[in-house]
Protein backbone atom coordinates (compact mmCIF):
# COMPACT_ATOMS: atom_id res chain seq x y z
CA MET A 1 -3.81 -3.04 -39.91
CA LEU A 2 -1.82 -1.95 -36.87
CA THR A 3 -3.46 -2.32 -33.46
CA ASP A 4 -2.60 -0.94 -30.04
CA VAL A 5 -4.41 -2.64 -27.18
CA HIS A 6 -3.15 -0.27 -24.49
CA CYS A 7 -2.41 3.45 -24.73
CA HIS A 8 -3.31 6.81 -23.15
CA PRO A 9 -4.27 9.34 -25.85
CA LEU A 10 -4.81 12.32 -23.56
CA ASP A 11 -1.39 11.80 -21.99
CA ILE A 12 0.19 11.35 -25.41
CA PHE A 13 -1.19 14.74 -26.43
CA ASP A 14 0.82 16.37 -23.63
CA PHE A 15 4.02 15.05 -25.24
CA PHE A 16 2.99 15.11 -28.89
CA PRO A 17 0.03 17.29 -30.02
CA GLY A 18 0.10 15.64 -33.47
CA ALA A 19 -0.50 12.17 -32.09
CA GLU A 20 -4.05 11.72 -33.37
CA GLU A 21 -3.02 12.73 -36.88
CA GLU A 22 -0.20 10.18 -36.68
CA ARG A 23 -2.63 7.47 -35.55
CA ARG A 24 -5.00 8.20 -38.41
CA SER A 25 -2.21 8.27 -40.98
CA LEU A 26 -1.18 4.78 -39.82
CA GLY A 27 -4.79 3.54 -39.92
CA LEU A 28 -4.24 2.26 -36.41
CA ILE A 29 -7.00 0.91 -34.14
CA CYS A 30 -6.44 1.43 -30.43
CA ALA A 31 -8.01 0.68 -27.08
CA ALA A 32 -7.59 3.77 -24.90
CA SER A 33 -7.29 3.26 -21.15
CA SER A 34 -8.77 5.93 -18.88
CA THR A 35 -8.34 6.29 -15.13
CA THR A 36 -10.18 9.58 -14.62
CA LYS A 37 -13.39 11.10 -15.92
CA GLU A 38 -11.38 13.78 -17.75
CA GLN A 39 -9.37 11.14 -19.61
CA PHE A 40 -12.45 9.13 -20.46
CA LEU A 41 -14.38 12.08 -21.88
CA TYR A 42 -11.39 13.07 -24.02
CA HIS A 43 -11.03 9.53 -25.35
CA GLU A 44 -14.75 9.23 -25.95
CA GLY A 45 -14.68 12.50 -27.88
CA LEU A 46 -11.81 11.26 -30.05
CA ALA A 47 -13.69 8.01 -30.66
CA ARG A 48 -16.86 9.84 -31.66
CA LYS A 49 -14.99 12.12 -34.06
CA ALA A 50 -13.10 9.19 -35.61
CA LYS A 51 -16.37 7.36 -36.21
CA GLU A 52 -18.03 10.43 -37.76
CA GLU A 53 -15.07 10.98 -40.08
CA GLY A 54 -14.57 7.33 -41.03
CA ALA A 55 -11.15 7.09 -39.39
CA ALA A 56 -9.73 4.02 -37.69
CA PRO A 57 -11.64 3.50 -34.44
CA ILE A 58 -10.66 4.28 -30.87
CA LEU A 59 -12.18 2.05 -28.19
CA PRO A 60 -12.54 3.83 -24.82
CA CYS A 61 -11.87 1.76 -21.68
CA PHE A 62 -12.05 2.70 -18.02
CA ALA A 63 -10.77 1.54 -14.63
CA ILE A 64 -9.14 2.85 -11.49
CA HIS A 65 -5.40 2.21 -11.92
CA PRO A 66 -3.90 0.17 -9.06
CA GLN A 67 -1.23 2.82 -8.50
CA MET A 68 -3.79 5.53 -7.81
CA PRO A 69 -4.13 4.95 -4.05
CA ALA A 70 -0.37 5.25 -3.53
CA ALA A 71 -0.20 8.31 -5.78
CA GLY A 72 -2.49 10.21 -3.40
CA ARG A 73 -5.32 10.32 -5.94
CA TRP A 74 -7.60 8.12 -3.91
CA ASN A 75 -9.03 7.92 -0.41
CA ARG A 76 -11.50 5.81 1.51
CA ALA A 77 -14.30 8.36 1.21
CA LEU A 78 -13.97 8.55 -2.57
CA GLY A 79 -13.76 4.77 -2.60
CA ARG A 80 -17.39 4.58 -1.56
CA ASP A 81 -18.30 6.08 -4.93
CA LEU A 82 -16.07 3.73 -6.92
CA PRO A 83 -18.82 1.68 -8.61
CA GLU A 84 -20.70 4.68 -9.95
CA LEU A 85 -18.56 5.77 -12.91
CA PRO A 86 -17.26 2.44 -14.27
CA GLU A 87 -20.61 0.74 -13.76
CA SER A 88 -22.59 3.57 -15.35
CA LEU A 89 -20.24 3.59 -18.35
CA ALA A 90 -20.57 -0.18 -18.68
CA LYS A 91 -24.35 -0.07 -18.32
CA GLU A 92 -24.62 2.64 -20.98
CA GLY A 93 -22.37 0.71 -23.38
CA ARG A 94 -19.79 3.50 -23.46
CA ILE A 95 -16.71 1.37 -22.75
CA SER A 96 -15.20 -1.56 -24.62
CA ALA A 97 -13.30 -2.99 -21.66
CA ILE A 98 -12.59 -2.55 -17.97
CA GLY A 99 -9.00 -1.42 -17.85
CA GLU A 100 -6.43 -0.94 -16.86
CA ALA A 101 -7.23 -2.64 -13.58
CA GLY A 102 -5.10 -4.97 -11.52
CA PHE A 103 -2.43 -5.10 -8.85
CA ASP A 104 0.88 -3.32 -8.35
CA LEU A 105 3.16 -4.53 -5.55
CA TYR A 106 6.36 -3.23 -7.10
CA ASN A 107 7.61 -1.30 -4.08
CA ASP A 108 6.83 -0.50 -0.44
CA GLU A 109 4.64 2.46 -1.37
CA PHE A 110 2.40 0.33 -3.57
CA ARG A 111 2.42 -2.65 -1.20
CA ALA A 112 1.09 -0.41 1.55
CA THR A 113 -2.14 -0.03 -0.45
CA GLU A 114 -2.55 -3.74 -1.23
CA ARG A 115 -5.83 -4.14 0.67
CA LEU A 116 -7.40 -1.19 -1.11
CA GLN A 117 -6.11 -2.49 -4.44
CA ASP A 118 -7.86 -5.78 -3.66
CA GLU A 119 -11.14 -3.98 -2.97
CA ILE A 120 -10.92 -1.91 -6.15
CA PHE A 121 -10.10 -4.93 -8.27
CA ALA A 122 -13.01 -6.90 -6.83
CA VAL A 123 -15.42 -4.13 -7.83
CA HIS A 124 -13.97 -3.93 -11.34
CA LEU A 125 -14.12 -7.70 -11.79
CA GLU A 126 -17.76 -7.76 -10.69
CA ILE A 127 -18.64 -5.06 -13.25
CA ALA A 128 -16.79 -6.89 -16.03
CA LEU A 129 -18.63 -10.10 -15.20
CA GLN A 130 -22.01 -8.38 -14.99
CA TYR A 131 -21.65 -6.62 -18.34
CA ASP A 132 -19.62 -9.32 -20.12
CA LEU A 133 -16.66 -7.03 -20.78
CA PRO A 134 -12.99 -7.90 -21.34
CA MET A 135 -10.49 -6.73 -18.75
CA VAL A 136 -7.11 -5.11 -19.41
CA LEU A 137 -4.80 -5.98 -16.52
CA HIS A 138 -1.82 -4.13 -15.08
CA VAL A 139 0.15 -6.56 -12.90
CA ARG A 140 3.53 -6.00 -11.27
CA ARG A 141 4.98 -8.54 -8.83
CA ALA A 142 1.46 -9.78 -8.21
CA MET A 143 0.80 -12.75 -10.48
CA HIS A 144 -0.18 -14.78 -7.39
CA LYS A 145 -3.19 -12.48 -7.05
CA VAL A 146 -4.20 -13.12 -10.64
CA PHE A 147 -4.04 -16.88 -10.09
CA ALA A 148 -6.21 -16.50 -6.99
CA CYS A 149 -8.93 -15.01 -9.25
CA THR A 150 -8.83 -17.49 -12.13
CA ALA A 151 -12.20 -19.05 -11.25
CA SER A 152 -13.80 -15.67 -12.00
CA LEU A 153 -11.42 -14.51 -14.73
CA LYS A 154 -12.19 -17.55 -16.87
CA LYS A 155 -15.82 -16.39 -17.07
CA LEU A 156 -14.80 -13.19 -18.86
CA PRO A 157 -14.85 -12.92 -22.67
CA ALA A 158 -11.11 -12.07 -22.59
CA VAL A 159 -8.35 -11.09 -20.18
CA ILE A 160 -5.65 -8.88 -21.72
CA PHE A 161 -2.31 -8.66 -19.93
CA HIS A 162 -0.85 -5.24 -20.64
CA SER A 163 2.93 -5.50 -21.11
CA TRP A 164 2.84 -9.16 -20.08
CA PRO A 165 4.68 -9.30 -16.74
CA GLY A 166 4.84 -13.04 -16.15
CA THR A 167 6.83 -16.06 -17.21
CA ALA A 168 6.20 -18.47 -20.06
CA GLY A 169 5.08 -21.05 -17.50
CA GLU A 170 2.61 -18.67 -15.90
CA GLY A 171 1.10 -17.82 -19.28
CA ALA A 172 0.66 -21.49 -20.12
CA ALA A 173 -0.87 -22.14 -16.69
CA LEU A 174 -3.48 -19.42 -17.17
CA LEU A 175 -4.55 -20.96 -20.46
CA ARG A 176 -4.69 -24.43 -18.89
CA ARG A 177 -6.97 -23.05 -16.18
CA GLY A 178 -9.40 -21.88 -18.83
CA VAL A 179 -8.68 -18.14 -18.77
CA ASN A 180 -9.13 -16.64 -22.24
CA ALA A 181 -5.84 -14.82 -21.84
CA TYR A 182 -4.09 -12.58 -24.35
CA PHE A 183 -0.54 -11.36 -23.87
CA SER A 184 0.43 -7.89 -25.04
CA PHE A 185 3.99 -6.80 -25.81
CA GLY A 186 5.45 -3.37 -26.42
CA ALA A 187 8.85 -1.72 -26.45
CA VAL A 188 10.10 -3.99 -23.66
CA ILE A 189 10.86 -6.73 -26.20
CA THR A 190 13.31 -4.34 -27.90
CA LEU A 191 15.11 -3.66 -24.60
CA ASN A 192 16.64 -7.07 -23.85
CA HIS A 193 14.06 -8.13 -21.26
CA LYS A 194 14.83 -11.83 -21.47
CA GLU A 195 11.59 -13.31 -20.13
CA ALA A 196 9.38 -10.99 -22.19
CA ILE A 197 11.42 -11.91 -25.26
CA ARG A 198 11.07 -15.62 -24.51
CA CYS A 199 7.31 -15.30 -24.07
CA CYS A 200 6.78 -13.21 -27.20
CA ALA A 201 8.83 -15.67 -29.22
CA ASN A 202 7.03 -18.78 -28.03
CA PHE A 203 3.45 -18.03 -27.04
CA PRO A 204 0.78 -19.15 -29.54
CA ALA A 205 0.34 -16.49 -32.20
CA GLU A 206 -3.43 -16.46 -31.59
CA ARG A 207 -2.70 -15.14 -28.07
CA LEU A 208 -0.47 -12.20 -29.02
CA LEU A 209 -1.28 -8.48 -28.98
CA THR A 210 0.79 -5.34 -29.46
CA GLU A 211 0.81 -2.05 -27.56
CA THR A 212 2.67 1.19 -27.10
CA ASP A 213 1.50 2.10 -23.58
CA ALA A 214 2.06 5.54 -25.10
CA PRO A 215 3.51 7.76 -23.85
CA TYR A 216 4.96 5.60 -21.06
CA GLN A 217 6.98 2.82 -22.71
CA PRO A 218 9.49 4.44 -25.09
CA LEU A 219 11.93 2.75 -27.39
CA ARG A 220 15.57 3.05 -26.36
CA GLY A 221 16.72 6.66 -26.56
CA ALA A 222 13.24 8.11 -27.04
CA ALA A 223 11.60 10.53 -24.60
CA PHE A 224 8.16 8.94 -24.92
CA SER A 225 6.35 6.23 -26.84
CA ARG A 226 4.07 6.93 -29.79
CA TRP A 227 2.02 5.07 -32.36
CA ALA A 228 4.81 5.20 -34.93
CA ASP A 229 6.69 2.76 -32.64
CA LEU A 230 4.36 -0.12 -33.50
CA PRO A 231 6.09 -1.22 -36.73
CA VAL A 232 9.36 -1.51 -34.76
CA ILE A 233 7.61 -3.59 -32.10
CA LEU A 234 5.97 -5.84 -34.71
CA ASN A 235 9.20 -6.34 -36.65
CA THR A 236 11.01 -7.22 -33.43
CA ALA A 237 8.31 -9.70 -32.44
CA ALA A 238 8.40 -11.32 -35.88
CA LEU A 239 12.18 -11.66 -35.75
CA LEU A 240 12.02 -13.23 -32.29
CA ARG A 241 9.45 -15.75 -33.50
CA LYS A 242 11.52 -16.53 -36.59
CA GLU A 243 14.57 -17.25 -34.45
CA ALA A 244 12.42 -19.54 -32.28
CA GLY A 245 10.98 -21.36 -35.32
CA GLN A 246 7.42 -20.28 -34.50
CA PRO A 247 4.46 -19.35 -36.72
CA GLY A 248 3.95 -15.64 -37.21
CA SER A 249 7.58 -14.99 -38.10
CA ASP A 250 6.82 -12.59 -40.96
CA ALA A 251 5.95 -9.06 -39.85
CA VAL A 252 3.08 -8.71 -42.34
CA GLU A 253 1.63 -12.05 -41.32
CA LEU A 254 2.02 -11.27 -37.63
CA GLU A 255 0.31 -7.91 -38.06
CA ARG A 256 -2.70 -9.71 -39.57
CA ILE A 257 -2.77 -12.28 -36.76
CA VAL A 258 -2.57 -9.61 -34.06
CA GLU A 259 -5.30 -7.58 -35.78
CA ARG A 260 -7.50 -10.68 -35.90
CA ASN A 261 -6.92 -11.26 -32.19
CA PHE A 262 -7.76 -7.63 -31.39
CA ARG A 263 -10.96 -7.70 -33.46
CA LYS A 264 -12.04 -10.99 -31.89
CA ILE A 265 -11.67 -9.60 -28.37
CA PHE A 266 -13.61 -6.43 -29.05
CA GLY A 267 -16.16 -7.82 -31.49
CA LEU A 268 -15.10 -5.64 -34.42
């Protein structure tokens, strides 16, 4: 069964109104990241309908995205209310993970909000620890911040790195430090990103996940990403692992391994 550990169904709908029908036709399980109440309620509604109709499940997740302060969608006053929504959702058992949370220091605009990103992440991490939830992390040019948190991160049931941004050495170091880390790969491995390719080819198969980040990580030449991209991503990952002489070099086998990893994380 195909699995997508990181996507944005409400945003996909804006590009492709038939997205949910496509997901169901593929029998695809996904974890849907929400950064606003509107997104969360839409994803929760999709999840409820899928369950009622016996379709492949959607797992709603929630966090304040680290780019939100720089995007002008955040301020200090609103920040005082930060714990209320994610903590209430966690307490009520309405989310499957805290995510996507993390750090983004990609450019000057994002770096200017670093202190606020730190505060937001600390709140999210505390909620994940309190309610024993996995975290889905967005990290750009900020792996040093992740390593500074490993003492806490290793207490979580799982830490999922959306579109793994690090090196092979950094991934191995996280595992050595006791973090139950999983590394997710999407269209980037089809786009000649050398370090992502190296990591996907050589990481232990039991640590791999797949994603679309739909609609935000398209295959070459596409206007947006969609769930139908996942077979291409899986086939690419399997080929990379075959060339590296690694287990999980058959696409069907790798799909089963990734599904097992996904189900283990979310208790399915």
